[in-house]
Amino acid sequence: MKSPLPVRNGVNATRLRLPRAGEGPWLTVMDYVLFRFGHVDPDGIVQRFEDGEVVALDGSAFTPHTPLGLHEFLWYYRDLPTEPRLPVEESIIFQDEHLVAVDKPHFLPTTPGGRYVQESALVRLRNRLNNPDLIPMHRLDRATAGVVLFSTNPDSRGAYQVLFEKRRIKKTYQAVSVIPEDRLEWTMGTFPSVFKNRMAKEKGYLLSRVTEGAANARTRISVRAVGQSQDSRYGTAVLWDLDPLTGKTHQLRVHLAALGCCILHDPFYPVLLDEAPDDYSRPLQLLASSISFVDPFTKQERRFESGLALAAAPISEARG
């Protein structure tokens, strides 16, 4: 459903579903909006309706007296708070008429959410490239750094979306774990291998769970390097190459934690820590290192690689 309002300052208008007439005590659309959001800014809501800034799908403006039941949705622009700029910067790896490949840093959200709207990769890039049609083809957690693909052209977007839907996109990751010396032999002798289990994610619950039953989550894990961490705060570190063969929520984090090799600075697994302010000296040591696919238009293979590195990776590059 296309918004009747254009993107403004890199941000989409907000859509709200309206109840049918008789589904509540509200007689007008404005009555319902005041019921939902009047505790935030009642005067501002009334002013929006009086100024014709709240619109229906056909672009017509709601008035303070428009009755419920005539429209299913409304759109309006939220008043956005001033956001301090996050001290991290995205970089563009590649750009053409169809795609933008971006190196997203740790701590920057891919898309607006919660307290981050302007400070998201999507809104930053829309404003930077002056392209309101830009949308992400997939997402990375705010804590994860690495390659993200954005579509720049609505006319070609569907062809790339099909690649994701049919799992014709190959993604690779790197991660760092800190391990005790007595696990070195086990680490070097166990991998490469494919780790698999059954995972489930309940709506509204932050974490994924490991459950009984046939495996539905599989990751190919290999050791890229083992040695003293480049970060003097840590001892022996392992740099993993991770190839997710399935796409479950938090799959890589769950799998390494299940092996007793949790990703360094992971606040979720194996133990959920209390929410804390961002510590930019301790980013999650997980990186989306590359993404590759056969381009649906050129039929040529494309591969985009991150230029970022994990700060706690081993000094040694010896492979296991």
C-alpha atoms as a PDB file:
ATOM      1  CA  MET A   1       0.000   0.000   0.000  1.00  0.00           C
ATOM      2  CA  LYS A   2       1.687   3.172  -1.195  1.00  0.00           C
ATOM      3  CA  SER A   3       1.658   6.101   1.186  1.00  0.00           C
ATOM      4  CA  PRO A   4      -0.203   9.177  -0.098  1.00  0.00           C
ATOM      5  CA  LEU A   5       2.420  11.331   1.641  1.00  0.00           C
ATOM      6  CA  PRO A   6       5.979  11.523   0.316  1.00  0.00           C
ATOM      7  CA  VAL A   7       9.054  10.751   2.377  1.00  0.00           C
ATOM      8  CA  ARG A   8      10.030  13.828   4.379  1.00  0.00           C
ATOM      9  CA  ASN A   9      13.563  14.367   5.700  1.00  0.00           C
ATOM     10  CA  GLY A  10      14.287  10.732   4.902  1.00  0.00           C
ATOM     11  CA  VAL A  11      11.391   9.421   7.017  1.00  0.00           C
ATOM     12  CA  ASN A  12       8.162   7.782   5.879  1.00  0.00           C
ATOM     13  CA  ALA A  13       4.811   9.114   7.011  1.00  0.00           C
ATOM     14  CA  THR A  14       3.216   7.040   9.763  1.00  0.00           C
ATOM     15  CA  ARG A  15       0.213   4.864   8.907  1.00  0.00           C
ATOM     16  CA  LEU A  16      -2.564   4.082  11.397  1.00  0.00           C
ATOM     17  CA  ARG A  17      -5.391   1.587  10.948  1.00  0.00           C
ATOM     18  CA  LEU A  18      -8.790   2.979  11.925  1.00  0.00           C
ATOM     19  CA  PRO A  19     -11.600   1.051  13.620  1.00  0.00           C
ATOM     20  CA  ARG A  20     -14.912   0.613  11.885  1.00  0.00           C
ATOM     21  CA  ALA A  21     -17.872   2.747  12.900  1.00  0.00           C
ATOM     22  CA  GLY A  22     -19.473   1.318  16.021  1.00  0.00           C
ATOM     23  CA  GLU A  23     -16.377  -0.569  17.201  1.00  0.00           C
ATOM     24  CA  GLY A  24     -15.909   1.916  20.002  1.00  0.00           C
ATOM     25  CA  PRO A  25     -17.304   5.085  21.550  1.00  0.00           C
ATOM     26  CA  TRP A  26     -15.554   7.359  19.019  1.00  0.00           C
ATOM     27  CA  LEU A  27     -17.662   9.255  16.511  1.00  0.00           C
ATOM     28  CA  THR A  28     -14.922  10.893  14.465  1.00  0.00           C
ATOM     29  CA  VAL A  29     -11.469   9.960  13.254  1.00  0.00           C
ATOM     30  CA  MET A  30      -9.983  12.705  15.410  1.00  0.00           C
ATOM     31  CA  ASP A  31     -11.774  11.343  18.498  1.00  0.00           C
ATOM     32  CA  TYR A  32     -10.063   7.998  17.925  1.00  0.00           C
ATOM     33  CA  VAL A  33      -6.605   9.501  17.349  1.00  0.00           C
ATOM     34  CA  LEU A  34      -6.970  11.561  20.519  1.00  0.00           C
ATOM     35  CA  PHE A  35      -7.917   8.390  22.382  1.00  0.00           C
ATOM     36  CA  ARG A  36      -4.774   6.651  21.084  1.00  0.00           C
ATOM     37  CA  PHE A  37      -2.252   9.462  21.346  1.00  0.00           C
ATOM     38  CA  GLY A  38      -3.891  12.337  23.219  1.00  0.00           C
ATOM     39  CA  HIS A  39      -1.725  11.700  26.268  1.00  0.00           C
ATOM     40  CA  VAL A  40       1.302  12.735  24.182  1.00  0.00           C
ATOM     41  CA  ASP A  41       0.233  15.946  22.441  1.00  0.00           C
ATOM     42  CA  PRO A  42      -3.540  16.594  22.287  1.00  0.00           C
ATOM     43  CA  ASP A  43      -3.192  20.166  21.048  1.00  0.00           C
ATOM     44  CA  GLY A  44      -0.804  19.098  18.318  1.00  0.00           C
ATOM     45  CA  ILE A  45      -3.215  16.389  17.128  1.00  0.00           C
ATOM     46  CA  VAL A  46      -6.096  18.822  16.887  1.00  0.00           C
ATOM     47  CA  GLN A  47      -3.887  21.291  15.017  1.00  0.00           C
ATOM     48  CA  ARG A  48      -2.879  18.615  12.488  1.00  0.00           C
ATOM     49  CA  PHE A  49      -6.512  17.886  11.692  1.00  0.00           C
ATOM     50  CA  GLU A  50      -7.365  21.584  11.454  1.00  0.00           C
ATOM     51  CA  ASP A  51      -4.411  22.151   9.099  1.00  0.00           C
ATOM     52  CA  GLY A  52      -5.313  19.209   6.844  1.00  0.00           C
ATOM     53  CA  GLU A  53      -2.103  17.328   7.633  1.00  0.00           C
ATOM     54  CA  VAL A  54      -3.813  13.978   8.309  1.00  0.00           C
ATOM     55  CA  VAL A  55      -4.810  12.245   5.078  1.00  0.00           C
ATOM     56  CA  ALA A  56      -6.533   9.166   3.681  1.00  0.00           C
ATOM     57  CA  LEU A  57      -5.212   6.735   1.065  1.00  0.00           C
ATOM     58  CA  ASP A  58      -6.547   8.904  -1.762  1.00  0.00           C
ATOM     59  CA  GLY A  59      -4.709  11.924  -0.348  1.00  0.00           C
ATOM     60  CA  SER A  60      -7.841  13.700   0.886  1.00  0.00           C
ATOM     61  CA  ALA A  61      -7.483  15.455   4.220  1.00  0.00           C
ATOM     62  CA  PHE A  62      -9.407  14.459   7.315  1.00  0.00           C
ATOM     63  CA  THR A  63     -11.157  17.271   9.139  1.00  0.00           C
ATOM     64  CA  PRO A  64     -11.876  17.360  12.876  1.00  0.00           C
ATOM     65  CA  HIS A  65     -15.409  16.196  11.992  1.00  0.00           C
ATOM     66  CA  THR A  66     -14.700  13.334   9.549  1.00  0.00           C
ATOM     67  CA  PRO A  67     -16.714  10.347  10.846  1.00  0.00           C
ATOM     68  CA  LEU A  68     -15.266   6.916  11.400  1.00  0.00           C
ATOM     69  CA  GLY A  69     -16.141   4.261   8.850  1.00  0.00           C
ATOM     70  CA  LEU A  70     -15.275   6.105   5.646  1.00  0.00           C
ATOM     71  CA  HIS A  71     -11.602   5.056   5.545  1.00  0.00           C
ATOM     72  CA  GLU A  72      -9.517   2.125   6.791  1.00  0.00           C
ATOM     73  CA  PHE A  73      -6.210   3.948   7.258  1.00  0.00           C
ATOM     74  CA  LEU A  74      -4.799   7.398   7.823  1.00  0.00           C
ATOM     75  CA  TRP A  75      -1.308   8.832   7.313  1.00  0.00           C
ATOM     76  CA  TYR A  76       0.478  11.686   9.062  1.00  0.00           C
ATOM     77  CA  TYR A  77       3.971  12.935   9.849  1.00  0.00           C
ATOM     78  CA  ARG A  78       5.246  12.426  13.359  1.00  0.00           C
ATOM     79  CA  ASP A  79       7.062  15.203  15.169  1.00  0.00           C
ATOM     80  CA  LEU A  80      10.543  13.776  15.530  1.00  0.00           C
ATOM     81  CA  PRO A  81      12.693  14.600  18.550  1.00  0.00           C
ATOM     82  CA  THR A  82      16.185  15.913  18.020  1.00  0.00           C
ATOM     83  CA  GLU A  83      18.553  12.939  18.011  1.00  0.00           C
ATOM     84  CA  PRO A  84      22.205  13.275  18.940  1.00  0.00           C
ATOM     85  CA  ARG A  85      24.322  11.921  16.105  1.00  0.00           C
ATOM     86  CA  LEU A  86      25.769   8.506  16.806  1.00  0.00           C
ATOM     87  CA  PRO A  87      29.588   8.623  16.703  1.00  0.00           C
ATOM     88  CA  VAL A  88      29.795   6.048  13.900  1.00  0.00           C
ATOM     89  CA  GLU A  89      29.698   6.448  10.124  1.00  0.00           C
ATOM     90  CA  GLU A  90      28.402   4.261   7.328  1.00  0.00           C
ATOM     91  CA  SER A  91      30.367   3.986   4.086  1.00  0.00           C
ATOM     92  CA  ILE A  92      29.205   3.213   0.554  1.00  0.00           C
ATOM     93  CA  ILE A  93      30.926   0.201  -1.014  1.00  0.00           C
ATOM     94  CA  PHE A  94      29.073   0.229  -4.339  1.00  0.00           C
ATOM     95  CA  GLN A  95      26.334   2.187  -6.057  1.00  0.00           C
ATOM     96  CA  ASP A  96      24.525   1.882  -9.411  1.00  0.00           C
ATOM     97  CA  GLU A  97      21.022   2.511 -10.765  1.00  0.00           C
ATOM     98  CA  HIS A  98      19.617  -0.487  -8.877  1.00  0.00           C
ATOM     99  CA  LEU A  99      21.580  -1.020  -5.668  1.00  0.00           C
ATOM    100  CA  VAL A 100      23.655   0.586  -2.977  1.00  0.00           C
ATOM    101  CA  ALA A 101      25.930  -1.671  -0.926  1.00  0.00           C
ATOM    102  CA  VAL A 102      26.813  -0.124   2.425  1.00  0.00           C
ATOM    103  CA  ASP A 103      29.214  -0.961   5.231  1.00  0.00           C
ATOM    104  CA  LYS A 104      27.067  -0.429   8.316  1.00  0.00           C
ATOM    105  CA  PRO A 105      29.032   0.195  11.512  1.00  0.00           C
ATOM    106  CA  HIS A 106      28.262  -1.277  14.910  1.00  0.00           C
ATOM    107  CA  PHE A 107      25.583   0.634  16.886  1.00  0.00           C
ATOM    108  CA  LEU A 108      23.820   2.116  13.830  1.00  0.00           C
ATOM    109  CA  PRO A 109      20.323   0.668  13.205  1.00  0.00           C
ATOM    110  CA  THR A 110      19.522  -0.419   9.671  1.00  0.00           C
ATOM    111  CA  THR A 111      16.016   1.096   9.802  1.00  0.00           C
ATOM    112  CA  PRO A 112      14.162   3.527  12.102  1.00  0.00           C
ATOM    113  CA  GLY A 113      12.847   2.076  15.323  1.00  0.00           C
ATOM    114  CA  GLY A 114      12.422   3.069  18.944  1.00  0.00           C
ATOM    115  CA  ARG A 115      14.531   6.075  19.806  1.00  0.00           C
ATOM    116  CA  TYR A 116      16.475   5.899  16.545  1.00  0.00           C
ATOM    117  CA  VAL A 117      14.827   7.468  13.492  1.00  0.00           C
ATOM    118  CA  GLN A 118      17.127  10.001  11.861  1.00  0.00           C
ATOM    119  CA  GLU A 119      20.024   8.019  13.302  1.00  0.00           C
ATOM    120  CA  SER A 120      19.468   4.935  11.163  1.00  0.00           C
ATOM    121  CA  ALA A 121      21.328   3.822   8.058  1.00  0.00           C
ATOM    122  CA  LEU A 122      18.179   4.137   5.947  1.00  0.00           C
ATOM    123  CA  VAL A 123      17.350   7.738   6.869  1.00  0.00           C
ATOM    124  CA  ARG A 124      20.980   8.847   6.765  1.00  0.00           C
ATOM    125  CA  LEU A 125      21.366   7.390   3.266  1.00  0.00           C
ATOM    126  CA  ARG A 126      18.073   8.757   1.942  1.00  0.00           C
ATOM    127  CA  ASN A 127      19.188  12.226   2.949  1.00  0.00           C
ATOM    128  CA  ARG A 128      22.785  11.728   1.840  1.00  0.00           C
ATOM    129  CA  LEU A 129      21.832  10.383  -1.599  1.00  0.00           C
ATOM    130  CA  ASN A 130      18.665  12.480  -1.971  1.00  0.00           C
ATOM    131  CA  ASN A 131      16.707   9.319  -2.778  1.00  0.00           C
ATOM    132  CA  PRO A 132      13.391   8.863  -0.932  1.00  0.00           C
ATOM    133  CA  ASP A 133      12.835   5.542  -2.771  1.00  0.00           C
ATOM    134  CA  LEU A 134      15.768   3.886  -1.027  1.00  0.00           C
ATOM    135  CA  ILE A 135      14.822   0.817   1.057  1.00  0.00           C
ATOM    136  CA  PRO A 136      16.903  -1.990   2.624  1.00  0.00           C
ATOM    137  CA  MET A 137      16.711  -5.419   0.984  1.00  0.00           C
ATOM    138  CA  HIS A 138      17.533  -7.070   4.332  1.00  0.00           C
ATOM    139  CA  ARG A 139      18.588  -5.977   7.791  1.00  0.00           C
ATOM    140  CA  LEU A 140      21.366  -6.317  10.307  1.00  0.00           C
ATOM    141  CA  ASP A 141      20.882  -5.931  14.045  1.00  0.00           C
ATOM    142  CA  ARG A 142      22.008  -2.575  15.398  1.00  0.00           C
ATOM    143  CA  ALA A 143      24.819  -4.360  17.226  1.00  0.00           C
ATOM    144  CA  THR A 144      26.110  -6.121  14.089  1.00  0.00           C
ATOM    145  CA  ALA A 145      28.350  -4.408  11.550  1.00  0.00           C
ATOM    146  CA  GLY A 146      28.888  -5.173   7.883  1.00  0.00           C
ATOM    147  CA  VAL A 147      27.409  -5.252   4.406  1.00  0.00           C
ATOM    148  CA  VAL A 148      23.784  -4.244   3.832  1.00  0.00           C
ATOM    149  CA  LEU A 149      22.123  -3.968   0.414  1.00  0.00           C
ATOM    150  CA  PHE A 150      19.670  -1.183  -0.364  1.00  0.00           C
ATOM    151  CA  SER A 151      17.392  -0.941  -3.392  1.00  0.00           C
ATOM    152  CA  THR A 152      17.480   2.446  -5.110  1.00  0.00           C
ATOM    153  CA  ASN A 153      14.896   1.792  -7.835  1.00  0.00           C
ATOM    154  CA  PRO A 154      11.282   0.641  -7.294  1.00  0.00           C
ATOM    155  CA  ASP A 155      11.129  -0.616 -10.895  1.00  0.00           C
ATOM    156  CA  SER A 156      13.917  -3.180 -10.390  1.00  0.00           C
ATOM    157  CA  ARG A 157      13.345  -3.905  -6.698  1.00  0.00           C
ATOM    158  CA  GLY A 158      11.166  -6.964  -7.214  1.00  0.00           C
ATOM    159  CA  ALA A 159      13.872  -8.893  -9.094  1.00  0.00           C
ATOM    160  CA  TYR A 160      16.250  -8.564  -6.145  1.00  0.00           C
ATOM    161  CA  GLN A 161      13.540  -9.344  -3.604  1.00  0.00           C
ATOM    162  CA  VAL A 162      12.972 -12.660  -5.396  1.00  0.00           C
ATOM    163  CA  LEU A 163      16.636 -13.565  -4.819  1.00  0.00           C
ATOM    164  CA  PHE A 164      16.165 -13.118  -1.075  1.00  0.00           C
ATOM    165  CA  GLU A 165      12.845 -14.975  -1.035  1.00  0.00           C
ATOM    166  CA  LYS A 166      14.364 -17.956  -2.886  1.00  0.00           C
ATOM    167  CA  ARG A 167      17.538 -17.876  -0.749  1.00  0.00           C
ATOM    168  CA  ARG A 168      19.776 -17.187  -3.731  1.00  0.00           C
ATOM    169  CA  ILE A 169      21.754 -14.649  -1.734  1.00  0.00           C
ATOM    170  CA  LYS A 170      24.877 -15.979  -0.008  1.00  0.00           C
ATOM    171  CA  LYS A 171      25.959 -14.174   3.151  1.00  0.00           C
ATOM    172  CA  THR A 172      29.113 -14.795   5.143  1.00  0.00           C
ATOM    173  CA  TYR A 173      29.998 -13.540   8.589  1.00  0.00           C
ATOM    174  CA  GLN A 174      32.969 -13.336  10.904  1.00  0.00           C
ATOM    175  CA  ALA A 175      32.890 -13.407  14.688  1.00  0.00           C
ATOM    176  CA  VAL A 176      35.360 -13.389  17.559  1.00  0.00           C
ATOM    177  CA  SER A 177      35.233 -15.519  20.686  1.00  0.00           C
ATOM    178  CA  VAL A 178      37.674 -15.457  23.575  1.00  0.00           C
ATOM    179  CA  ILE A 179      38.475 -18.978  24.793  1.00  0.00           C
ATOM    180  CA  PRO A 180      40.596 -20.512  27.564  1.00  0.00           C
ATOM    181  CA  GLU A 181      43.874 -22.149  26.581  1.00  0.00           C
ATOM    182  CA  ASP A 182      42.581 -25.618  27.450  1.00  0.00           C
ATOM    183  CA  ARG A 183      39.957 -25.364  24.687  1.00  0.00           C
ATOM    184  CA  LEU A 184      42.438 -24.641  21.920  1.00  0.00           C
ATOM    185  CA  GLU A 185      42.925 -28.280  20.977  1.00  0.00           C
ATOM    186  CA  TRP A 186      39.171 -28.873  20.895  1.00  0.00           C
ATOM    187  CA  THR A 187      38.643 -25.796  18.736  1.00  0.00           C
ATOM    188  CA  MET A 188      41.305 -26.734  16.189  1.00  0.00           C
ATOM    189  CA  GLY A 189      40.177 -30.350  16.028  1.00  0.00           C
ATOM    190  CA  THR A 190      36.418 -29.807  15.734  1.00  0.00           C
ATOM    191  CA  PHE A 191      36.086 -27.389  12.839  1.00  0.00           C
ATOM    192  CA  PRO A 192      35.205 -26.936  10.050  1.00  0.00           C
ATOM    193  CA  SER A 193      31.811 -28.505  10.656  1.00  0.00           C
ATOM    194  CA  VAL A 194      28.106 -27.759  10.355  1.00  0.00           C
ATOM    195  CA  PHE A 195      26.340 -27.046  13.633  1.00  0.00           C
ATOM    196  CA  LYS A 196      22.600 -27.591  13.666  1.00  0.00           C
ATOM    197  CA  ASN A 197      19.742 -27.518  16.144  1.00  0.00           C
ATOM    198  CA  ARG A 198      16.101 -26.516  16.385  1.00  0.00           C
ATOM    199  CA  MET A 199      15.352 -22.889  17.185  1.00  0.00           C
ATOM    200  CA  ALA A 200      12.114 -21.055  17.923  1.00  0.00           C
ATOM    201  CA  LYS A 201      11.325 -17.366  18.384  1.00  0.00           C
ATOM    202  CA  GLU A 202       8.141 -16.310  20.171  1.00  0.00           C
ATOM    203  CA  LYS A 203       6.518 -13.049  19.117  1.00  0.00           C
ATOM    204  CA  GLY A 204       7.163 -10.344  21.678  1.00  0.00           C
ATOM    205  CA  TYR A 205      10.043 -12.224  23.321  1.00  0.00           C
ATOM    206  CA  LEU A 206      13.513 -10.840  22.744  1.00  0.00           C
ATOM    207  CA  LEU A 207      15.488 -14.073  22.533  1.00  0.00           C
ATOM    208  CA  SER A 208      15.408 -17.180  20.379  1.00  0.00           C
ATOM    209  CA  ARG A 209      15.174 -20.542  22.134  1.00  0.00           C
ATOM    210  CA  VAL A 210      16.720 -23.919  21.436  1.00  0.00           C
ATOM    211  CA  THR A 211      13.975 -26.557  21.416  1.00  0.00           C
ATOM    212  CA  GLU A 212      13.574 -30.287  20.930  1.00  0.00           C
ATOM    213  CA  GLY A 213      12.877 -31.682  17.485  1.00  0.00           C
ATOM    214  CA  ALA A 214      14.272 -31.846  13.983  1.00  0.00           C
ATOM    215  CA  ALA A 215      16.941 -29.258  13.213  1.00  0.00           C
ATOM    216  CA  ASN A 216      15.724 -26.131  11.414  1.00  0.00           C
ATOM    217  CA  ALA A 217      18.847 -23.980  11.898  1.00  0.00           C
ATOM    218  CA  ARG A 218      22.242 -24.820  10.376  1.00  0.00           C
ATOM    219  CA  THR A 219      25.526 -22.914  10.284  1.00  0.00           C
ATOM    220  CA  ARG A 220      28.809 -23.939   8.647  1.00  0.00           C
ATOM    221  CA  ILE A 221      31.562 -22.943  11.076  1.00  0.00           C
ATOM    222  CA  SER A 222      35.288 -22.828  10.416  1.00  0.00           C
ATOM    223  CA  VAL A 223      38.314 -21.306  12.114  1.00  0.00           C
ATOM    224  CA  ARG A 224      40.047 -18.493  10.246  1.00  0.00           C
ATOM    225  CA  ALA A 225      42.625 -17.639  12.907  1.00  0.00           C
ATOM    226  CA  VAL A 226      43.588 -18.369  16.505  1.00  0.00           C
ATOM    227  CA  GLY A 227      45.975 -16.380  18.648  1.00  0.00           C
ATOM    228  CA  GLN A 228      46.426 -13.506  21.033  1.00  0.00           C
ATOM    229  CA  SER A 229      43.665 -10.937  20.650  1.00  0.00           C
ATOM    230  CA  GLN A 230      44.657  -7.596  19.161  1.00  0.00           C
ATOM    231  CA  ASP A 231      42.769  -6.065  22.080  1.00  0.00           C
ATOM    232  CA  SER A 232      45.069  -6.186  25.098  1.00  0.00           C
ATOM    233  CA  ARG A 233      42.091  -6.679  27.416  1.00  0.00           C
ATOM    234  CA  TYR A 234      41.664 -10.247  26.187  1.00  0.00           C
ATOM    235  CA  GLY A 235      43.712 -13.397  25.896  1.00  0.00           C
ATOM    236  CA  THR A 236      43.406 -16.131  23.294  1.00  0.00           C
ATOM    237  CA  ALA A 237      40.839 -15.317  20.623  1.00  0.00           C
ATOM    238  CA  VAL A 238      39.300 -17.264  17.753  1.00  0.00           C
ATOM    239  CA  LEU A 239      38.220 -15.589  14.529  1.00  0.00           C
ATOM    240  CA  TRP A 240      35.379 -17.635  13.039  1.00  0.00           C
ATOM    241  CA  ASP A 241      34.083 -17.809   9.488  1.00  0.00           C
ATOM    242  CA  LEU A 242      30.329 -18.367   9.633  1.00  0.00           C
ATOM    243  CA  ASP A 243      28.145 -19.422   6.738  1.00  0.00           C
ATOM    244  CA  PRO A 244      24.452 -19.438   7.758  1.00  0.00           C
ATOM    245  CA  LEU A 245      22.690 -22.154   5.781  1.00  0.00           C
ATOM    246  CA  THR A 246      19.349 -21.078   7.266  1.00  0.00           C
ATOM    247  CA  GLY A 247      18.134 -17.699   8.498  1.00  0.00           C
ATOM    248  CA  LYS A 248      16.746 -17.955  12.025  1.00  0.00           C
ATOM    249  CA  THR A 249      16.730 -14.922  14.316  1.00  0.00           C
ATOM    250  CA  HIS A 250      20.058 -14.607  16.195  1.00  0.00           C
ATOM    251  CA  GLN A 251      21.135 -17.926  14.678  1.00  0.00           C
ATOM    252  CA  LEU A 252      24.887 -17.249  14.678  1.00  0.00           C
ATOM    253  CA  ARG A 253      24.853 -15.918  18.216  1.00  0.00           C
ATOM    254  CA  VAL A 254      22.832 -18.883  19.489  1.00  0.00           C
ATOM    255  CA  HIS A 255      24.999 -21.453  17.725  1.00  0.00           C
ATOM    256  CA  LEU A 256      28.324 -20.151  19.009  1.00  0.00           C
ATOM    257  CA  ALA A 257      26.891 -19.769  22.516  1.00  0.00           C
ATOM    258  CA  ALA A 258      25.633 -23.371  22.364  1.00  0.00           C
ATOM    259  CA  LEU A 259      29.193 -24.474  21.581  1.00  0.00           C
ATOM    260  CA  GLY A 260      30.508 -22.636  24.623  1.00  0.00           C
ATOM    261  CA  CYS A 261      32.162 -20.003  22.405  1.00  0.00           C
ATOM    262  CA  CYS A 262      29.825 -17.045  22.756  1.00  0.00           C
ATOM    263  CA  ILE A 263      30.563 -13.995  20.621  1.00  0.00           C
ATOM    264  CA  LEU A 264      32.572 -11.425  22.516  1.00  0.00           C
ATOM    265  CA  HIS A 265      30.431  -8.601  23.967  1.00  0.00           C
ATOM    266  CA  ASP A 266      27.128 -10.385  23.230  1.00  0.00           C
ATOM    267  CA  PRO A 267      24.594  -9.043  25.763  1.00  0.00           C
ATOM    268  CA  PHE A 268      21.973 -11.672  24.822  1.00  0.00           C
ATOM    269  CA  TYR A 269      23.593 -15.106  24.723  1.00  0.00           C
ATOM    270  CA  PRO A 270      24.233 -17.195  26.701  1.00  0.00           C
ATOM    271  CA  VAL A 271      22.890 -14.801  29.387  1.00  0.00           C
ATOM    272  CA  LEU A 272      20.585 -11.826  28.805  1.00  0.00           C
ATOM    273  CA  LEU A 273      22.200  -8.825  30.455  1.00  0.00           C
ATOM    274  CA  ASP A 274      20.384  -5.747  31.723  1.00  0.00           C
ATOM    275  CA  GLU A 275      20.082  -2.977  29.176  1.00  0.00           C
ATOM    276  CA  ALA A 276      22.969  -0.549  29.462  1.00  0.00           C
ATOM    277  CA  PRO A 277      24.158   2.582  27.637  1.00  0.00           C
ATOM    278  CA  ASP A 278      26.194   1.945  24.498  1.00  0.00           C
ATOM    279  CA  ASP A 279      29.863   1.259  25.180  1.00  0.00           C
ATOM    280  CA  TYR A 280      31.606   2.110  21.924  1.00  0.00           C
ATOM    281  CA  SER A 281      34.787   0.437  23.165  1.00  0.00           C
ATOM    282  CA  ARG A 282      32.990  -2.916  23.361  1.00  0.00           C
ATOM    283  CA  PRO A 283      31.090  -3.535  20.100  1.00  0.00           C
ATOM    284  CA  LEU A 284      29.608  -6.962  19.469  1.00  0.00           C
ATOM    285  CA  GLN A 285      32.327  -8.887  17.642  1.00  0.00           C
ATOM    286  CA  LEU A 286      30.103  -9.956  14.755  1.00  0.00           C
ATOM    287  CA  LEU A 287      30.564  -8.767  11.187  1.00  0.00           C
ATOM    288  CA  ALA A 288      28.559  -9.422   8.010  1.00  0.00           C
ATOM    289  CA  SER A 289      31.711  -9.811   5.963  1.00  0.00           C
ATOM    290  CA  SER A 290      30.325 -10.415   2.467  1.00  0.00           C
ATOM    291  CA  ILE A 291      27.228 -10.885   0.350  1.00  0.00           C
ATOM    292  CA  SER A 292      27.144 -12.437  -3.116  1.00  0.00           C
ATOM    293  CA  PHE A 293      24.558 -13.346  -5.755  1.00  0.00           C
ATOM    294  CA  VAL A 294      23.976 -13.621  -9.487  1.00  0.00           C
ATOM    295  CA  ASP A 295      22.582 -10.309 -10.649  1.00  0.00           C
ATOM    296  CA  PRO A 296      19.131 -10.810 -12.227  1.00  0.00           C
ATOM    297  CA  PHE A 297      19.838  -8.218 -14.937  1.00  0.00           C
ATOM    298  CA  THR A 298      23.484  -8.722 -15.908  1.00  0.00           C
ATOM    299  CA  LYS A 299      23.521 -12.477 -15.060  1.00  0.00           C
ATOM    300  CA  GLN A 300      26.986 -11.876 -13.622  1.00  0.00           C
ATOM    301  CA  GLU A 301      28.017 -12.822 -10.096  1.00  0.00           C
ATOM    302  CA  ARG A 302      28.350  -9.907  -7.734  1.00  0.00           C
ATOM    303  CA  ARG A 303      30.201  -9.965  -4.441  1.00  0.00           C
ATOM    304  CA  PHE A 304      30.426  -7.121  -1.970  1.00  0.00           C
ATOM    305  CA  GLU A 305      32.906  -7.360   0.894  1.00  0.00           C
ATOM    306  CA  SER A 306      33.065  -5.338   4.083  1.00  0.00           C
ATOM    307  CA  GLY A 307      36.066  -3.123   4.640  1.00  0.00           C
ATOM    308  CA  LEU A 308      35.525  -3.266   8.396  1.00  0.00           C
ATOM    309  CA  ALA A 309      37.440  -5.498  10.816  1.00  0.00           C
ATOM    310  CA  LEU A 310      36.726  -6.932  14.247  1.00  0.00           C
ATOM    311  CA  ALA A 311      38.893  -5.139  16.792  1.00  0.00           C
ATOM    312  CA  ALA A 312      39.356  -8.156  19.071  1.00  0.00           C
ATOM    313  CA  ALA A 313      40.388 -10.593  16.306  1.00  0.00           C
ATOM    314  CA  PRO A 314      43.605 -12.583  16.814  1.00  0.00           C
ATOM    315  CA  ILE A 315      46.909 -11.133  15.723  1.00  0.00           C
ATOM    316  CA  SER A 316      47.795 -14.460  14.095  1.00  0.00           C
ATOM    317  CA  GLU A 317      46.373 -15.256  10.677  1.00  0.00           C
ATOM    318  CA  ALA A 318      47.234 -18.949  10.920  1.00  0.00           C
ATOM    319  CA  ARG A 319      44.289 -21.022   9.777  1.00  0.00           C
ATOM    320  CA  GLY A 320      42.968 -24.029  11.579  1.00  0.00           C
END
